[in-house]
N, C-alpha and C. Protein backbone atom coordinates (compact mmCIF):
# COMPACT_ATOMS: atom_id res chain seq x y z
N MET A 1 23.69 6.06 13.69
CA MET A 1 23.09 7.26 13.10
C MET A 1 21.69 6.94 12.59
N THR A 2 20.74 7.84 12.86
CA THR A 2 19.38 7.69 12.37
C THR A 2 19.33 8.02 10.88
N ARG A 3 18.65 7.14 10.11
CA ARG A 3 18.61 7.32 8.66
C ARG A 3 17.16 7.26 8.17
N PHE A 4 16.79 8.28 7.38
CA PHE A 4 15.43 8.34 6.82
C PHE A 4 15.51 8.36 5.30
N LEU A 5 14.49 7.80 4.67
CA LEU A 5 14.33 7.90 3.22
C LEU A 5 13.05 8.67 2.95
N ILE A 6 13.16 9.75 2.18
CA ILE A 6 12.01 10.57 1.82
C ILE A 6 11.67 10.30 0.35
N ILE A 7 10.44 9.83 0.11
CA ILE A 7 9.99 9.52 -1.25
C ILE A 7 8.89 10.52 -1.61
N ASP A 8 9.27 11.55 -2.32
CA ASP A 8 8.33 12.63 -2.66
C ASP A 8 8.90 13.39 -3.84
N ASP A 9 8.07 13.69 -4.83
CA ASP A 9 8.57 14.37 -6.03
C ASP A 9 8.38 15.88 -5.98
N HIS A 10 7.87 16.39 -4.86
CA HIS A 10 7.65 17.84 -4.74
C HIS A 10 8.80 18.46 -3.95
N PRO A 11 9.64 19.27 -4.59
CA PRO A 11 10.85 19.78 -3.91
C PRO A 11 10.56 20.62 -2.67
N LEU A 12 9.50 21.43 -2.69
CA LEU A 12 9.21 22.28 -1.53
C LEU A 12 8.80 21.44 -0.33
N PHE A 13 8.02 20.39 -0.57
CA PHE A 13 7.61 19.57 0.57
C PHE A 13 8.75 18.69 1.05
N ARG A 14 9.61 18.25 0.14
CA ARG A 14 10.80 17.51 0.58
C ARG A 14 11.63 18.38 1.52
N GLU A 15 11.75 19.65 1.17
CA GLU A 15 12.51 20.58 2.02
C GLU A 15 11.85 20.70 3.39
N ALA A 16 10.50 20.76 3.40
CA ALA A 16 9.78 20.84 4.68
C ALA A 16 10.00 19.58 5.51
N LEU A 17 10.01 18.43 4.86
CA LEU A 17 10.26 17.18 5.58
C LEU A 17 11.67 17.14 6.15
N HIS A 18 12.64 17.56 5.35
CA HIS A 18 14.02 17.62 5.85
C HIS A 18 14.09 18.50 7.09
N SER A 19 13.45 19.65 7.04
CA SER A 19 13.50 20.59 8.16
C SER A 19 12.86 19.98 9.41
N ALA A 20 11.72 19.31 9.23
CA ALA A 20 11.02 18.70 10.37
C ALA A 20 11.82 17.56 10.96
N VAL A 21 12.43 16.76 10.11
CA VAL A 21 13.24 15.63 10.56
C VAL A 21 14.46 16.11 11.34
N GLU A 22 15.13 17.13 10.81
CA GLU A 22 16.35 17.63 11.44
C GLU A 22 16.06 18.33 12.75
N LEU A 23 14.84 18.85 12.90
CA LEU A 23 14.46 19.47 14.16
C LEU A 23 14.41 18.43 15.28
N ALA A 24 13.94 17.23 14.93
CA ALA A 24 13.85 16.16 15.93
C ALA A 24 15.16 15.40 16.08
N TYR A 25 15.89 15.26 14.97
CA TYR A 25 17.12 14.46 14.96
C TYR A 25 18.22 15.26 14.24
N PRO A 26 18.93 16.12 14.95
CA PRO A 26 19.93 17.00 14.32
C PRO A 26 21.01 16.25 13.55
N ASP A 27 21.33 15.04 13.96
CA ASP A 27 22.40 14.29 13.29
C ASP A 27 21.87 13.28 12.28
N VAL A 28 20.62 13.44 11.87
CA VAL A 28 20.00 12.48 10.97
C VAL A 28 20.66 12.50 9.59
N GLU A 29 20.66 11.33 8.94
CA GLU A 29 21.08 11.24 7.54
C GLU A 29 19.84 10.92 6.71
N THR A 30 19.56 11.74 5.72
CA THR A 30 18.38 11.52 4.89
C THR A 30 18.80 11.32 3.43
N MET A 31 18.02 10.51 2.74
CA MET A 31 18.18 10.33 1.31
C MET A 31 16.83 10.59 0.65
N ASP A 32 16.87 11.10 -0.59
CA ASP A 32 15.64 11.44 -1.30
C ASP A 32 15.45 10.57 -2.53
N ALA A 33 14.18 10.30 -2.84
CA ALA A 33 13.81 9.65 -4.09
C ALA A 33 12.62 10.41 -4.66
N VAL A 34 12.70 10.75 -5.94
CA VAL A 34 11.63 11.54 -6.56
C VAL A 34 10.66 10.66 -7.35
N ASP A 35 10.94 9.37 -7.43
CA ASP A 35 10.00 8.43 -8.05
C ASP A 35 10.19 7.07 -7.39
N PHE A 36 9.25 6.16 -7.62
CA PHE A 36 9.28 4.91 -6.88
C PHE A 36 10.41 3.99 -7.33
N THR A 37 10.75 4.04 -8.61
CA THR A 37 11.86 3.22 -9.09
C THR A 37 13.16 3.58 -8.38
N SER A 38 13.41 4.88 -8.24
CA SER A 38 14.61 5.34 -7.53
C SER A 38 14.58 4.90 -6.07
N ALA A 39 13.39 4.95 -5.47
CA ALA A 39 13.26 4.55 -4.07
C ALA A 39 13.63 3.08 -3.88
N LEU A 40 13.17 2.23 -4.78
CA LEU A 40 13.49 0.81 -4.68
C LEU A 40 14.98 0.56 -4.86
N GLU A 41 15.60 1.31 -5.76
CA GLU A 41 17.05 1.17 -5.97
C GLU A 41 17.81 1.56 -4.71
N ILE A 42 17.39 2.64 -4.08
CA ILE A 42 18.05 3.09 -2.85
C ILE A 42 17.87 2.05 -1.74
N LEU A 43 16.66 1.55 -1.60
CA LEU A 43 16.40 0.56 -0.55
C LEU A 43 17.16 -0.74 -0.79
N ARG A 44 17.35 -1.08 -2.05
CA ARG A 44 18.10 -2.29 -2.37
C ARG A 44 19.58 -2.14 -2.01
N ASP A 45 20.11 -0.93 -2.25
CA ASP A 45 21.54 -0.70 -2.00
C ASP A 45 21.83 -0.23 -0.58
N GLU A 46 20.85 0.45 0.03
CA GLU A 46 21.04 1.02 1.37
C GLU A 46 19.90 0.54 2.27
N ARG A 47 20.04 -0.64 2.84
CA ARG A 47 18.92 -1.28 3.51
C ARG A 47 18.63 -0.76 4.92
N ASN A 48 19.61 -0.18 5.57
CA ASN A 48 19.45 0.13 7.00
C ASN A 48 18.83 1.50 7.24
N PHE A 49 17.56 1.67 6.83
CA PHE A 49 16.81 2.89 7.13
C PHE A 49 15.96 2.67 8.37
N ASP A 50 15.81 3.73 9.15
CA ASP A 50 14.98 3.67 10.34
C ASP A 50 13.53 4.03 10.04
N LEU A 51 13.31 4.79 8.96
CA LEU A 51 11.96 5.24 8.64
C LEU A 51 11.90 5.66 7.17
N VAL A 52 10.77 5.36 6.53
CA VAL A 52 10.50 5.83 5.18
C VAL A 52 9.29 6.74 5.22
N LEU A 53 9.42 7.92 4.62
CA LEU A 53 8.31 8.87 4.49
C LEU A 53 7.86 8.85 3.04
N LEU A 54 6.64 8.40 2.79
CA LEU A 54 6.16 8.12 1.44
C LEU A 54 4.97 8.98 1.06
N ASP A 55 5.10 9.71 -0.04
CA ASP A 55 3.97 10.40 -0.63
C ASP A 55 3.19 9.39 -1.46
N LEU A 56 1.87 9.34 -1.29
CA LEU A 56 1.07 8.39 -2.05
C LEU A 56 1.11 8.69 -3.55
N LYS A 57 1.13 9.98 -3.88
CA LYS A 57 1.08 10.38 -5.29
C LYS A 57 2.51 10.55 -5.80
N ILE A 58 3.14 9.43 -6.12
CA ILE A 58 4.55 9.43 -6.52
C ILE A 58 4.66 8.77 -7.89
N PRO A 59 5.45 9.32 -8.81
CA PRO A 59 5.61 8.69 -10.13
C PRO A 59 6.11 7.26 -10.02
N GLY A 60 5.51 6.39 -10.83
CA GLY A 60 5.94 5.00 -10.86
C GLY A 60 4.96 4.03 -10.24
N VAL A 61 4.00 4.56 -9.45
CA VAL A 61 2.99 3.71 -8.83
C VAL A 61 1.66 4.46 -8.80
N GLN A 62 0.60 3.73 -8.52
CA GLN A 62 -0.72 4.33 -8.41
C GLN A 62 -1.34 3.94 -7.08
N GLY A 63 -2.09 4.88 -6.49
CA GLY A 63 -2.80 4.58 -5.26
C GLY A 63 -1.89 4.07 -4.17
N PHE A 64 -2.29 2.94 -3.59
CA PHE A 64 -1.53 2.36 -2.47
C PHE A 64 -0.49 1.35 -2.92
N GLU A 65 -0.26 1.24 -4.22
CA GLU A 65 0.66 0.23 -4.72
C GLU A 65 2.07 0.39 -4.13
N GLY A 66 2.55 1.64 -4.02
CA GLY A 66 3.88 1.86 -3.47
C GLY A 66 3.97 1.40 -2.03
N LEU A 67 2.98 1.73 -1.22
CA LEU A 67 2.96 1.30 0.18
C LEU A 67 2.93 -0.22 0.27
N LEU A 68 2.11 -0.85 -0.57
CA LEU A 68 2.02 -2.30 -0.54
C LEU A 68 3.34 -2.97 -0.90
N GLN A 69 4.02 -2.42 -1.89
CA GLN A 69 5.31 -2.99 -2.27
C GLN A 69 6.34 -2.84 -1.16
N LEU A 70 6.37 -1.68 -0.53
CA LEU A 70 7.33 -1.46 0.56
C LEU A 70 7.06 -2.41 1.73
N ARG A 71 5.77 -2.58 2.09
CA ARG A 71 5.46 -3.46 3.21
C ARG A 71 5.76 -4.91 2.86
N SER A 72 5.62 -5.26 1.58
CA SER A 72 5.88 -6.63 1.16
C SER A 72 7.37 -6.95 1.13
N HIS A 73 8.17 -6.03 0.58
CA HIS A 73 9.60 -6.30 0.38
C HIS A 73 10.47 -5.87 1.56
N TYR A 74 10.01 -4.87 2.32
CA TYR A 74 10.81 -4.36 3.45
C TYR A 74 9.91 -4.26 4.69
N PRO A 75 9.42 -5.38 5.19
CA PRO A 75 8.43 -5.37 6.27
C PRO A 75 8.93 -4.81 7.60
N ARG A 76 10.26 -4.77 7.79
CA ARG A 76 10.79 -4.30 9.07
C ARG A 76 11.01 -2.79 9.10
N VAL A 77 10.90 -2.14 7.96
CA VAL A 77 11.13 -0.69 7.91
C VAL A 77 9.79 0.04 8.05
N PRO A 78 9.60 0.84 9.10
CA PRO A 78 8.35 1.58 9.24
C PRO A 78 8.15 2.55 8.07
N VAL A 79 6.92 2.62 7.58
CA VAL A 79 6.59 3.53 6.49
C VAL A 79 5.47 4.45 6.95
N VAL A 80 5.72 5.75 6.85
CA VAL A 80 4.70 6.75 7.17
C VAL A 80 4.23 7.38 5.87
N VAL A 81 2.93 7.37 5.66
CA VAL A 81 2.36 8.01 4.48
C VAL A 81 2.22 9.51 4.74
N VAL A 82 2.72 10.30 3.82
CA VAL A 82 2.57 11.75 3.88
C VAL A 82 1.80 12.16 2.63
N SER A 83 0.62 12.70 2.81
CA SER A 83 -0.25 12.88 1.65
C SER A 83 -1.11 14.13 1.74
N GLY A 84 -1.49 14.61 0.56
CA GLY A 84 -2.43 15.73 0.49
C GLY A 84 -3.86 15.27 0.70
N HIS A 85 -4.11 13.96 0.62
CA HIS A 85 -5.45 13.42 0.87
C HIS A 85 -5.69 13.35 2.37
N GLU A 86 -6.88 13.79 2.80
CA GLU A 86 -7.18 13.79 4.23
C GLU A 86 -8.48 13.06 4.54
N ASP A 87 -9.03 12.35 3.57
CA ASP A 87 -10.26 11.60 3.77
C ASP A 87 -10.02 10.45 4.76
N ALA A 88 -10.95 10.26 5.68
CA ALA A 88 -10.81 9.22 6.70
C ALA A 88 -10.67 7.84 6.08
N ARG A 89 -11.33 7.61 4.95
CA ARG A 89 -11.25 6.30 4.31
C ARG A 89 -9.85 6.04 3.76
N VAL A 90 -9.21 7.10 3.24
CA VAL A 90 -7.84 6.97 2.73
C VAL A 90 -6.89 6.66 3.89
N ILE A 91 -7.05 7.38 4.99
CA ILE A 91 -6.21 7.16 6.17
C ILE A 91 -6.40 5.74 6.69
N SER A 92 -7.66 5.32 6.81
CA SER A 92 -7.96 3.99 7.33
C SER A 92 -7.36 2.90 6.44
N GLU A 93 -7.45 3.09 5.12
CA GLU A 93 -6.92 2.08 4.21
C GLU A 93 -5.40 2.02 4.29
N ALA A 94 -4.74 3.19 4.40
CA ALA A 94 -3.29 3.22 4.52
C ALA A 94 -2.85 2.45 5.77
N LEU A 95 -3.55 2.66 6.87
CA LEU A 95 -3.21 1.96 8.11
C LEU A 95 -3.45 0.46 7.97
N SER A 96 -4.53 0.08 7.27
CA SER A 96 -4.83 -1.34 7.10
C SER A 96 -3.78 -2.03 6.25
N TYR A 97 -3.09 -1.26 5.38
CA TYR A 97 -2.05 -1.83 4.53
C TYR A 97 -0.68 -1.80 5.20
N GLY A 98 -0.63 -1.39 6.46
CA GLY A 98 0.61 -1.50 7.21
C GLY A 98 1.38 -0.22 7.43
N ALA A 99 0.80 0.94 7.09
CA ALA A 99 1.48 2.20 7.35
C ALA A 99 1.62 2.41 8.86
N SER A 100 2.75 2.98 9.27
CA SER A 100 2.99 3.25 10.69
C SER A 100 2.45 4.61 11.11
N GLY A 101 1.85 5.31 10.18
CA GLY A 101 1.27 6.60 10.46
C GLY A 101 0.80 7.26 9.19
N PHE A 102 0.01 8.30 9.35
CA PHE A 102 -0.49 9.07 8.21
C PHE A 102 -0.42 10.54 8.57
N ILE A 103 0.41 11.28 7.82
CA ILE A 103 0.60 12.71 8.10
C ILE A 103 0.06 13.53 6.94
N PRO A 104 -0.97 14.34 7.15
CA PRO A 104 -1.46 15.21 6.08
C PRO A 104 -0.42 16.28 5.75
N LYS A 105 -0.33 16.65 4.49
CA LYS A 105 0.64 17.67 4.10
C LYS A 105 0.26 19.05 4.60
N SER A 106 -0.96 19.19 5.11
CA SER A 106 -1.42 20.49 5.59
C SER A 106 -0.94 20.81 7.00
N VAL A 107 -0.32 19.86 7.71
CA VAL A 107 0.07 20.11 9.10
C VAL A 107 1.26 21.08 9.16
N ARG A 108 1.37 21.77 10.28
CA ARG A 108 2.49 22.68 10.49
C ARG A 108 3.76 21.88 10.80
N LYS A 109 4.90 22.56 10.64
CA LYS A 109 6.18 21.87 10.79
C LYS A 109 6.34 21.23 12.16
N GLN A 110 5.91 21.91 13.22
CA GLN A 110 6.07 21.36 14.56
C GLN A 110 5.27 20.07 14.72
N GLU A 111 4.06 20.05 14.15
CA GLU A 111 3.26 18.83 14.22
C GLU A 111 3.88 17.71 13.38
N LEU A 112 4.48 18.10 12.26
CA LEU A 112 5.18 17.13 11.42
C LEU A 112 6.33 16.49 12.20
N THR A 113 7.07 17.31 12.92
CA THR A 113 8.17 16.82 13.75
C THR A 113 7.65 15.89 14.85
N THR A 114 6.57 16.31 15.51
CA THR A 114 5.98 15.50 16.58
C THR A 114 5.51 14.15 16.04
N ALA A 115 4.90 14.15 14.86
CA ALA A 115 4.40 12.92 14.26
C ALA A 115 5.55 11.94 14.00
N ILE A 116 6.64 12.45 13.46
CA ILE A 116 7.80 11.61 13.17
C ILE A 116 8.39 11.04 14.47
N GLN A 117 8.49 11.87 15.49
CA GLN A 117 9.01 11.42 16.78
C GLN A 117 8.14 10.31 17.37
N ARG A 118 6.83 10.46 17.27
CA ARG A 118 5.91 9.47 17.84
C ARG A 118 6.03 8.12 17.12
N VAL A 119 6.18 8.17 15.81
CA VAL A 119 6.36 6.92 15.06
C VAL A 119 7.69 6.27 15.43
N MET A 120 8.72 7.07 15.56
CA MET A 120 10.03 6.54 15.94
C MET A 120 10.01 5.95 17.35
N ASP A 121 9.07 6.42 18.17
CA ASP A 121 8.91 5.88 19.53
C ASP A 121 8.03 4.64 19.54
N GLY A 122 7.58 4.21 18.36
CA GLY A 122 6.81 2.98 18.28
C GLY A 122 5.31 3.17 18.22
N GLU A 123 4.84 4.41 18.14
CA GLU A 123 3.41 4.67 18.06
C GLU A 123 2.93 4.67 16.60
N ILE A 124 1.61 4.59 16.43
CA ILE A 124 0.97 4.79 15.13
C ILE A 124 0.38 6.19 15.14
N TYR A 125 0.87 7.04 14.24
CA TYR A 125 0.41 8.43 14.25
C TYR A 125 -0.74 8.63 13.27
N VAL A 126 -1.80 9.28 13.76
CA VAL A 126 -2.88 9.76 12.89
C VAL A 126 -3.20 11.19 13.31
N PRO A 127 -3.68 12.02 12.38
CA PRO A 127 -4.00 13.41 12.73
C PRO A 127 -5.13 13.48 13.74
N ALA A 128 -5.19 14.57 14.48
CA ALA A 128 -6.17 14.73 15.56
C ALA A 128 -7.61 14.66 15.04
N PHE A 129 -7.84 15.08 13.81
CA PHE A 129 -9.21 15.10 13.28
C PHE A 129 -9.69 13.73 12.82
N TYR A 130 -8.80 12.75 12.77
CA TYR A 130 -9.17 11.45 12.19
C TYR A 130 -10.14 10.68 13.08
N ALA A 131 -11.20 10.19 12.46
CA ALA A 131 -12.15 9.29 13.12
C ALA A 131 -12.31 8.08 12.22
N PRO A 132 -12.08 6.87 12.73
CA PRO A 132 -12.20 5.68 11.88
C PRO A 132 -13.57 5.60 11.23
N PRO A 133 -13.63 5.17 9.98
CA PRO A 133 -14.93 5.00 9.32
C PRO A 133 -15.81 4.04 10.09
N SER A 134 -17.11 4.26 10.04
CA SER A 134 -18.04 3.40 10.78
C SER A 134 -18.11 2.02 10.16
N SER A 135 -18.67 1.09 10.91
CA SER A 135 -18.80 -0.28 10.41
C SER A 135 -19.67 -0.35 9.17
N THR A 136 -20.61 0.60 9.05
CA THR A 136 -21.46 0.61 7.86
C THR A 136 -20.64 0.90 6.61
N ASP A 137 -19.60 1.73 6.76
CA ASP A 137 -18.70 1.98 5.64
C ASP A 137 -17.97 0.70 5.25
N GLY A 138 -17.53 -0.07 6.27
CA GLY A 138 -16.86 -1.33 5.99
C GLY A 138 -17.79 -2.32 5.32
N ASP A 139 -19.05 -2.35 5.75
CA ASP A 139 -20.02 -3.24 5.12
C ASP A 139 -20.24 -2.87 3.66
N ALA A 140 -20.27 -1.56 3.40
CA ALA A 140 -20.47 -1.11 2.02
C ALA A 140 -19.30 -1.52 1.14
N ALA A 141 -18.06 -1.40 1.68
CA ALA A 141 -16.87 -1.79 0.92
C ALA A 141 -16.87 -3.30 0.67
N ARG A 142 -17.31 -4.06 1.69
CA ARG A 142 -17.37 -5.52 1.55
C ARG A 142 -18.37 -5.91 0.46
N LYS A 143 -19.54 -5.28 0.48
CA LYS A 143 -20.56 -5.59 -0.53
C LYS A 143 -20.09 -5.19 -1.92
N GLU A 144 -19.36 -4.08 -2.00
CA GLU A 144 -18.85 -3.64 -3.30
C GLU A 144 -17.85 -4.66 -3.85
N MET A 145 -16.96 -5.17 -2.98
CA MET A 145 -15.98 -6.15 -3.44
C MET A 145 -16.67 -7.45 -3.86
N ILE A 146 -17.69 -7.87 -3.12
CA ILE A 146 -18.43 -9.07 -3.51
C ILE A 146 -19.07 -8.88 -4.87
N GLY A 147 -19.60 -7.67 -5.10
CA GLY A 147 -20.19 -7.38 -6.40
C GLY A 147 -19.17 -7.43 -7.51
N ARG A 148 -17.97 -6.93 -7.24
CA ARG A 148 -16.91 -6.96 -8.25
C ARG A 148 -16.46 -8.40 -8.52
N LEU A 149 -16.39 -9.21 -7.47
CA LEU A 149 -16.00 -10.61 -7.65
C LEU A 149 -17.00 -11.35 -8.55
N SER A 150 -18.26 -10.95 -8.44
CA SER A 150 -19.29 -11.63 -9.23
C SER A 150 -19.13 -11.39 -10.72
N THR A 151 -18.33 -10.40 -11.11
CA THR A 151 -18.11 -10.12 -12.54
C THR A 151 -16.99 -10.97 -13.14
N LEU A 152 -16.25 -11.69 -12.30
CA LEU A 152 -15.15 -12.52 -12.80
C LEU A 152 -15.69 -13.78 -13.46
N THR A 153 -15.03 -14.19 -14.52
CA THR A 153 -15.40 -15.44 -15.18
C THR A 153 -14.88 -16.61 -14.36
N PRO A 154 -15.38 -17.84 -14.62
CA PRO A 154 -14.87 -19.01 -13.89
C PRO A 154 -13.35 -19.16 -13.99
N GLN A 155 -12.79 -18.90 -15.18
CA GLN A 155 -11.34 -19.03 -15.33
C GLN A 155 -10.60 -17.96 -14.54
N GLN A 156 -11.16 -16.75 -14.52
CA GLN A 156 -10.54 -15.68 -13.74
C GLN A 156 -10.60 -16.00 -12.25
N LEU A 157 -11.67 -16.64 -11.80
CA LEU A 157 -11.78 -17.04 -10.39
C LEU A 157 -10.72 -18.09 -10.05
N ARG A 158 -10.45 -19.00 -10.98
CA ARG A 158 -9.40 -19.99 -10.75
C ARG A 158 -8.04 -19.31 -10.62
N VAL A 159 -7.79 -18.35 -11.52
CA VAL A 159 -6.53 -17.61 -11.47
C VAL A 159 -6.43 -16.83 -10.16
N LEU A 160 -7.53 -16.21 -9.73
CA LEU A 160 -7.54 -15.45 -8.48
C LEU A 160 -7.20 -16.36 -7.30
N GLN A 161 -7.78 -17.55 -7.26
CA GLN A 161 -7.49 -18.48 -6.18
C GLN A 161 -6.00 -18.82 -6.13
N MET A 162 -5.40 -19.01 -7.29
CA MET A 162 -3.97 -19.34 -7.34
C MET A 162 -3.11 -18.14 -6.96
N LEU A 163 -3.57 -16.94 -7.28
CA LEU A 163 -2.87 -15.74 -6.82
C LEU A 163 -2.86 -15.70 -5.30
N ARG A 164 -3.98 -16.04 -4.69
CA ARG A 164 -4.09 -16.05 -3.23
C ARG A 164 -3.17 -17.09 -2.62
N GLU A 165 -2.88 -18.15 -3.38
CA GLU A 165 -1.97 -19.20 -2.89
C GLU A 165 -0.50 -18.84 -3.11
N GLY A 166 -0.26 -17.69 -3.77
CA GLY A 166 1.10 -17.22 -3.97
C GLY A 166 1.79 -17.76 -5.20
N LEU A 167 1.04 -18.34 -6.13
CA LEU A 167 1.65 -18.90 -7.33
C LEU A 167 2.06 -17.80 -8.31
N LEU A 168 3.15 -18.03 -9.03
CA LEU A 168 3.60 -17.13 -10.07
C LEU A 168 2.83 -17.40 -11.36
N ASN A 169 2.91 -16.45 -12.30
CA ASN A 169 2.18 -16.60 -13.56
C ASN A 169 2.53 -17.91 -14.26
N LYS A 170 3.82 -18.24 -14.31
CA LYS A 170 4.22 -19.46 -15.02
C LYS A 170 3.70 -20.70 -14.32
N GLN A 171 3.59 -20.66 -13.00
CA GLN A 171 3.05 -21.80 -12.27
C GLN A 171 1.55 -21.95 -12.51
N ILE A 172 0.86 -20.81 -12.56
CA ILE A 172 -0.58 -20.84 -12.84
C ILE A 172 -0.81 -21.36 -14.25
N ALA A 173 0.01 -20.89 -15.20
CA ALA A 173 -0.11 -21.34 -16.59
C ALA A 173 0.06 -22.85 -16.68
N PHE A 174 1.02 -23.40 -15.93
CA PHE A 174 1.26 -24.85 -15.93
C PHE A 174 0.05 -25.59 -15.36
N GLU A 175 -0.48 -25.08 -14.24
CA GLU A 175 -1.62 -25.74 -13.60
C GLU A 175 -2.85 -25.75 -14.49
N LEU A 176 -3.06 -24.65 -15.23
CA LEU A 176 -4.25 -24.53 -16.07
C LEU A 176 -4.00 -24.97 -17.51
N ASN A 177 -2.76 -25.36 -17.80
CA ASN A 177 -2.40 -25.84 -19.13
C ASN A 177 -2.69 -24.80 -20.22
N VAL A 178 -2.28 -23.57 -19.94
CA VAL A 178 -2.42 -22.48 -20.93
C VAL A 178 -1.10 -21.73 -20.99
N GLY A 179 -1.00 -20.79 -21.93
CA GLY A 179 0.21 -20.00 -22.06
C GLY A 179 0.32 -18.93 -20.98
N GLU A 180 1.56 -18.55 -20.67
CA GLU A 180 1.77 -17.51 -19.66
C GLU A 180 1.17 -16.18 -20.08
N THR A 181 1.17 -15.89 -21.39
CA THR A 181 0.56 -14.66 -21.89
C THR A 181 -0.93 -14.61 -21.56
N THR A 182 -1.58 -15.76 -21.64
CA THR A 182 -3.00 -15.84 -21.29
C THR A 182 -3.22 -15.51 -19.82
N ILE A 183 -2.34 -16.02 -18.98
CA ILE A 183 -2.46 -15.74 -17.54
C ILE A 183 -2.24 -14.26 -17.26
N LYS A 184 -1.26 -13.66 -17.92
CA LYS A 184 -1.03 -12.22 -17.74
C LYS A 184 -2.26 -11.42 -18.10
N ALA A 185 -2.94 -11.84 -19.17
CA ALA A 185 -4.16 -11.15 -19.59
C ALA A 185 -5.26 -11.32 -18.54
N HIS A 186 -5.38 -12.53 -17.97
CA HIS A 186 -6.37 -12.76 -16.92
C HIS A 186 -6.08 -11.91 -15.68
N VAL A 187 -4.80 -11.84 -15.29
CA VAL A 187 -4.43 -11.05 -14.11
C VAL A 187 -4.77 -9.58 -14.33
N SER A 188 -4.46 -9.06 -15.49
CA SER A 188 -4.76 -7.66 -15.81
C SER A 188 -6.26 -7.40 -15.72
N GLU A 189 -7.04 -8.34 -16.22
CA GLU A 189 -8.50 -8.17 -16.19
C GLU A 189 -9.03 -8.29 -14.76
N ILE A 190 -8.44 -9.16 -13.96
CA ILE A 190 -8.84 -9.27 -12.55
C ILE A 190 -8.57 -7.95 -11.82
N LEU A 191 -7.38 -7.38 -12.03
CA LEU A 191 -7.05 -6.10 -11.39
C LEU A 191 -8.04 -5.03 -11.80
N ARG A 192 -8.38 -5.00 -13.08
CA ARG A 192 -9.30 -3.98 -13.58
C ARG A 192 -10.68 -4.15 -12.96
N LYS A 193 -11.19 -5.37 -12.98
CA LYS A 193 -12.54 -5.62 -12.47
C LYS A 193 -12.65 -5.38 -10.96
N LEU A 194 -11.59 -5.69 -10.23
CA LEU A 194 -11.63 -5.51 -8.77
C LEU A 194 -11.17 -4.13 -8.34
N ASN A 195 -10.76 -3.31 -9.33
CA ASN A 195 -10.35 -1.93 -9.06
C ASN A 195 -9.19 -1.85 -8.08
N VAL A 196 -8.16 -2.66 -8.33
CA VAL A 196 -6.94 -2.66 -7.51
C VAL A 196 -5.74 -2.48 -8.43
N TYR A 197 -4.58 -2.26 -7.83
CA TYR A 197 -3.41 -1.87 -8.61
C TYR A 197 -2.33 -2.95 -8.72
N SER A 198 -2.40 -3.96 -7.89
CA SER A 198 -1.33 -4.95 -7.89
C SER A 198 -1.85 -6.29 -7.40
N ARG A 199 -1.07 -7.34 -7.67
CA ARG A 199 -1.40 -8.69 -7.19
C ARG A 199 -1.48 -8.70 -5.66
N THR A 200 -0.55 -7.99 -5.01
CA THR A 200 -0.54 -7.95 -3.55
C THR A 200 -1.83 -7.36 -3.01
N GLN A 201 -2.28 -6.28 -3.65
CA GLN A 201 -3.51 -5.63 -3.18
C GLN A 201 -4.73 -6.53 -3.40
N VAL A 202 -4.72 -7.30 -4.49
CA VAL A 202 -5.80 -8.26 -4.72
C VAL A 202 -5.91 -9.21 -3.54
N VAL A 203 -4.77 -9.78 -3.15
CA VAL A 203 -4.76 -10.76 -2.06
C VAL A 203 -5.24 -10.12 -0.76
N ILE A 204 -4.77 -8.90 -0.48
CA ILE A 204 -5.17 -8.23 0.76
C ILE A 204 -6.66 -7.94 0.78
N GLU A 205 -7.19 -7.41 -0.33
CA GLU A 205 -8.61 -7.05 -0.38
C GLU A 205 -9.49 -8.28 -0.26
N VAL A 206 -9.16 -9.34 -0.96
CA VAL A 206 -9.99 -10.54 -0.91
C VAL A 206 -9.90 -11.21 0.45
N SER A 207 -8.73 -11.09 1.10
CA SER A 207 -8.56 -11.71 2.42
C SER A 207 -9.43 -11.04 3.49
N LYS A 208 -9.93 -9.85 3.21
CA LYS A 208 -10.81 -9.16 4.16
C LYS A 208 -12.20 -9.77 4.19
N LEU A 209 -12.54 -10.57 3.17
CA LEU A 209 -13.87 -11.17 3.10
C LEU A 209 -13.93 -12.44 3.95
N ASP A 210 -15.12 -12.76 4.41
CA ASP A 210 -15.33 -13.98 5.19
C ASP A 210 -15.34 -15.19 4.28
N VAL A 211 -15.12 -16.36 4.88
CA VAL A 211 -15.20 -17.62 4.12
C VAL A 211 -16.58 -17.77 3.49
N ALA A 212 -17.61 -17.36 4.23
CA ALA A 212 -18.97 -17.46 3.70
C ALA A 212 -19.16 -16.58 2.47
N ASP A 213 -18.53 -15.41 2.50
CA ASP A 213 -18.62 -14.51 1.34
C ASP A 213 -18.00 -15.15 0.11
N LEU A 214 -16.90 -15.87 0.31
CA LEU A 214 -16.15 -16.44 -0.80
C LEU A 214 -16.70 -17.78 -1.27
N SER A 215 -17.52 -18.41 -0.44
CA SER A 215 -17.98 -19.75 -0.78
C SER A 215 -18.83 -19.78 -2.03
N VAL A 216 -19.50 -18.67 -2.31
CA VAL A 216 -20.36 -18.64 -3.50
C VAL A 216 -19.55 -18.44 -4.77
N PHE A 217 -18.24 -18.15 -4.61
CA PHE A 217 -17.38 -17.94 -5.77
C PHE A 217 -16.41 -19.10 -5.92
N SER A 218 -16.90 -20.30 -5.81
CA SER A 218 -16.05 -21.50 -5.95
C SER A 218 -15.37 -21.47 -7.30
N SER A 219 -14.06 -21.80 -7.33
CA SER A 219 -13.32 -21.82 -8.57
C SER A 219 -13.79 -22.94 -9.51
N ASP A 220 -14.68 -23.82 -9.00
CA ASP A 220 -15.23 -24.88 -9.85
C ASP A 220 -16.51 -24.45 -10.54
N ARG A 221 -16.91 -23.18 -10.31
CA ARG A 221 -18.16 -22.71 -10.90
C ARG A 221 -18.10 -22.78 -12.41
N ARG A 222 -19.17 -23.19 -13.04
CA ARG A 222 -19.23 -23.27 -14.49
C ARG A 222 -20.11 -22.17 -15.05
């Protein structure tokens, strides 16, 4: 049996998603989550989903944090973002974070059904109007991130490097010979300065930079 998880706190749109899904898969089994905490509980207890439909604006997470967590913890489950945002940069970023498609909430039910079918067939769905941002947009984002990195203190750069290596707060605290509370404060400040929502997003964003870009931010800087 085909099984979908719908993560959306808007009852009318959840109903629209159910209708679109059932049109393509009459025998489908769907489960709903109205916040991200509930979604994680469902995924923990009911692992065998064929597709997750995720609203970006869901209680419990901000921005792309929910998508990042799903891709990190459940990498084999396709996740389609369903959102009221239609900006090309938002779509491009969702795809770069591992979304299997991006469906605007403005589409008609038949197109919603078609989008779901295409993803289930192994395609990456994007709306017809979508055009990838130009390379100049990517250059601007790269320069912005480099500028944000330049605001980090030497200690914050050391913590960032250890985050990239996958170390936990307590491991970083041991390496730097400081308290874990201090490391938590550094991580919070790094997230704020880099304008990201989670440790995972920090690693992804920084990994987009070239080695040459990062070389000027040596963790040994004084």
